């Protein structure tokens, strides 16, 4: 149980700035286009909103996958190459 928290914590520390960057980009584009809510039918805020949505979907999924993987001590078959090494 000692190793579960450090792996997930380090991964979260790495992913948080990656998660904050799309949110900052959305805010900056909404301010630049003077949009209160949504994309205002502009393409660049729309793409930024979609990128932020994808990030907010996948970052927690990755952290949950890592926690489950480390907690169950499953075989690393997903990470093995054809030579059988990790």
C-alpha atoms as a PDB file:
ATOM      1  CA  UNK A   1       0.000   0.000   0.000  1.00  0.00           C
ATOM      2  CA  UNK A   2       2.965   2.318   0.422  1.00  0.00           C
ATOM      3  CA  UNK A   3       3.655   2.613  -3.303  1.00  0.00           C
ATOM      4  CA  UNK A   4       0.076   3.377  -4.440  1.00  0.00           C
ATOM      5  CA  UNK A   5      -0.110   6.955  -3.194  1.00  0.00           C
ATOM      6  CA  UNK A   6       3.280   8.161  -4.517  1.00  0.00           C
ATOM      7  CA  UNK A   7       2.619   6.927  -8.061  1.00  0.00           C
ATOM      8  CA  UNK A   8      -0.832   8.502  -8.219  1.00  0.00           C
ATOM      9  CA  UNK A   9       0.399  11.664  -6.491  1.00  0.00           C
ATOM     10  CA  UNK A  10       3.295  12.165  -8.873  1.00  0.00           C
ATOM     11  CA  UNK A  11       1.008  11.531 -11.837  1.00  0.00           C
ATOM     12  CA  UNK A  12      -1.534  14.026 -10.494  1.00  0.00           C
ATOM     13  CA  UNK A  13       1.201  16.619  -9.972  1.00  0.00           C
ATOM     14  CA  UNK A  14       2.259  16.167 -13.593  1.00  0.00           C
ATOM     15  CA  UNK A  15      -1.293  16.228 -14.959  1.00  0.00           C
ATOM     16  CA  UNK A  16      -2.615  19.248 -13.018  1.00  0.00           C
ATOM     17  CA  UNK A  17      -0.678  21.853 -15.072  1.00  0.00           C
ATOM     18  CA  UNK A  18      -1.732  20.024 -18.224  1.00  0.00           C
ATOM     19  CA  UNK A  19      -5.319  20.241 -16.957  1.00  0.00           C
ATOM     20  CA  UNK A  20      -5.120  23.941 -16.038  1.00  0.00           C
ATOM     21  CA  UNK A  21      -3.648  25.054 -19.374  1.00  0.00           C
ATOM     22  CA  UNK A  22      -6.794  24.358 -21.479  1.00  0.00           C
ATOM     23  CA  UNK A  23      -8.972  26.067 -18.851  1.00  0.00           C
ATOM     24  CA  UNK A  24      -6.752  29.145 -18.983  1.00  0.00           C
ATOM     25  CA  UNK A  25      -6.909  29.112 -22.772  1.00  0.00           C
ATOM     26  CA  UNK A  26     -10.728  28.994 -22.704  1.00  0.00           C
ATOM     27  CA  UNK A  27     -10.873  31.927 -20.291  1.00  0.00           C
ATOM     28  CA  UNK A  28      -8.400  33.959 -22.338  1.00  0.00           C
ATOM     29  CA  UNK A  29     -10.314  33.375 -25.570  1.00  0.00           C
ATOM     30  CA  UNK A  30     -13.651  34.193 -23.952  1.00  0.00           C
ATOM     31  CA  UNK A  31     -12.218  37.445 -22.629  1.00  0.00           C
ATOM     32  CA  UNK A  32     -10.640  38.284 -25.998  1.00  0.00           C
ATOM     33  CA  UNK A  33     -13.915  37.724 -27.845  1.00  0.00           C
ATOM     34  CA  UNK A  34     -15.995  39.252 -25.013  1.00  0.00           C
ATOM     35  CA  UNK A  35     -18.035  36.083 -24.567  1.00  0.00           C
ATOM     36  CA  UNK A  36     -19.817  35.516 -21.253  1.00  0.00           C
ATOM     37  CA  UNK A  37     -20.829  31.885 -21.764  1.00  0.00           C
ATOM     38  CA  UNK A  38     -20.054  29.313 -24.437  1.00  0.00           C
ATOM     39  CA  UNK A  39     -18.130  29.906 -27.649  1.00  0.00           C
ATOM     40  CA  UNK A  40     -20.138  32.730 -29.177  1.00  0.00           C
ATOM     41  CA  UNK A  41     -20.070  30.930 -32.568  1.00  0.00           C
ATOM     42  CA  UNK A  42     -16.317  31.545 -32.885  1.00  0.00           C
ATOM     43  CA  UNK A  43     -14.214  28.569 -33.928  1.00  0.00           C
ATOM     44  CA  UNK A  44     -11.155  29.120 -31.707  1.00  0.00           C
ATOM     45  CA  UNK A  45     -13.060  29.257 -28.386  1.00  0.00           C
ATOM     46  CA  UNK A  46     -15.096  26.259 -29.538  1.00  0.00           C
ATOM     47  CA  UNK A  47     -11.941  24.194 -30.113  1.00  0.00           C
ATOM     48  CA  UNK A  48     -10.495  25.314 -26.774  1.00  0.00           C
ATOM     49  CA  UNK A  49     -13.708  24.350 -24.961  1.00  0.00           C
ATOM     50  CA  UNK A  50     -13.633  20.923 -26.611  1.00  0.00           C
ATOM     51  CA  UNK A  51      -9.974  20.422 -25.675  1.00  0.00           C
ATOM     52  CA  UNK A  52     -10.720  21.358 -22.067  1.00  0.00           C
ATOM     53  CA  UNK A  53     -13.686  18.978 -22.031  1.00  0.00           C
ATOM     54  CA  UNK A  54     -11.560  16.119 -23.339  1.00  0.00           C
ATOM     55  CA  UNK A  55      -8.876  16.858 -20.768  1.00  0.00           C
ATOM     56  CA  UNK A  56     -11.395  16.972 -17.920  1.00  0.00           C
ATOM     57  CA  UNK A  57     -12.676  13.603 -19.074  1.00  0.00           C
ATOM     58  CA  UNK A  58      -9.370  11.793 -19.494  1.00  0.00           C
ATOM     59  CA  UNK A  59      -7.241  13.119 -16.605  1.00  0.00           C
ATOM     60  CA  UNK A  60      -9.446  11.617 -13.852  1.00  0.00           C
ATOM     61  CA  UNK A  61      -9.763   8.404 -15.889  1.00  0.00           C
ATOM     62  CA  UNK A  62      -5.980   8.051 -16.091  1.00  0.00           C
ATOM     63  CA  UNK A  63      -5.589   8.659 -12.361  1.00  0.00           C
ATOM     64  CA  UNK A  64      -8.301   6.121 -11.576  1.00  0.00           C
ATOM     65  CA  UNK A  65      -6.672   3.581 -13.906  1.00  0.00           C
ATOM     66  CA  UNK A  66      -3.305   4.060 -12.197  1.00  0.00           C
ATOM     67  CA  UNK A  67      -4.829   3.698  -8.721  1.00  0.00           C
ATOM     68  CA  UNK A  68      -6.700   0.537  -9.695  1.00  0.00           C
ATOM     69  CA  UNK A  69      -3.662  -0.878 -11.446  1.00  0.00           C
ATOM     70  CA  UNK A  70      -1.373  -0.256  -8.480  1.00  0.00           C
ATOM     71  CA  UNK A  71      -3.928  -1.375  -5.885  1.00  0.00           C
ATOM     72  CA  UNK A  72      -4.641  -4.725  -7.529  1.00  0.00           C
ATOM     73  CA  UNK A  73      -1.014  -5.350  -8.509  1.00  0.00           C
ATOM     74  CA  UNK A  74      -2.122  -6.621 -11.894  1.00  0.00           C
ATOM     75  CA  UNK A  75       0.286  -7.997 -14.430  1.00  0.00           C
ATOM     76  CA  UNK A  76       1.745  -5.352 -16.711  1.00  0.00           C
ATOM     77  CA  UNK A  77       0.505  -7.117 -19.828  1.00  0.00           C
ATOM     78  CA  UNK A  78      -0.728  -3.836 -21.277  1.00  0.00           C
ATOM     79  CA  UNK A  79       2.750  -2.347 -21.103  1.00  0.00           C
ATOM     80  CA  UNK A  80       4.797  -5.280 -22.373  1.00  0.00           C
ATOM     81  CA  UNK A  81       6.452  -5.294 -25.774  1.00  0.00           C
ATOM     82  CA  UNK A  82       6.926  -8.293 -28.020  1.00  0.00           C
ATOM     83  CA  UNK A  83      10.163  -9.116 -26.160  1.00  0.00           C
ATOM     84  CA  UNK A  84       8.321  -9.525 -22.877  1.00  0.00           C
ATOM     85  CA  UNK A  85       9.965  -6.590 -21.106  1.00  0.00           C
ATOM     86  CA  UNK A  86       8.290  -3.513 -19.727  1.00  0.00           C
END
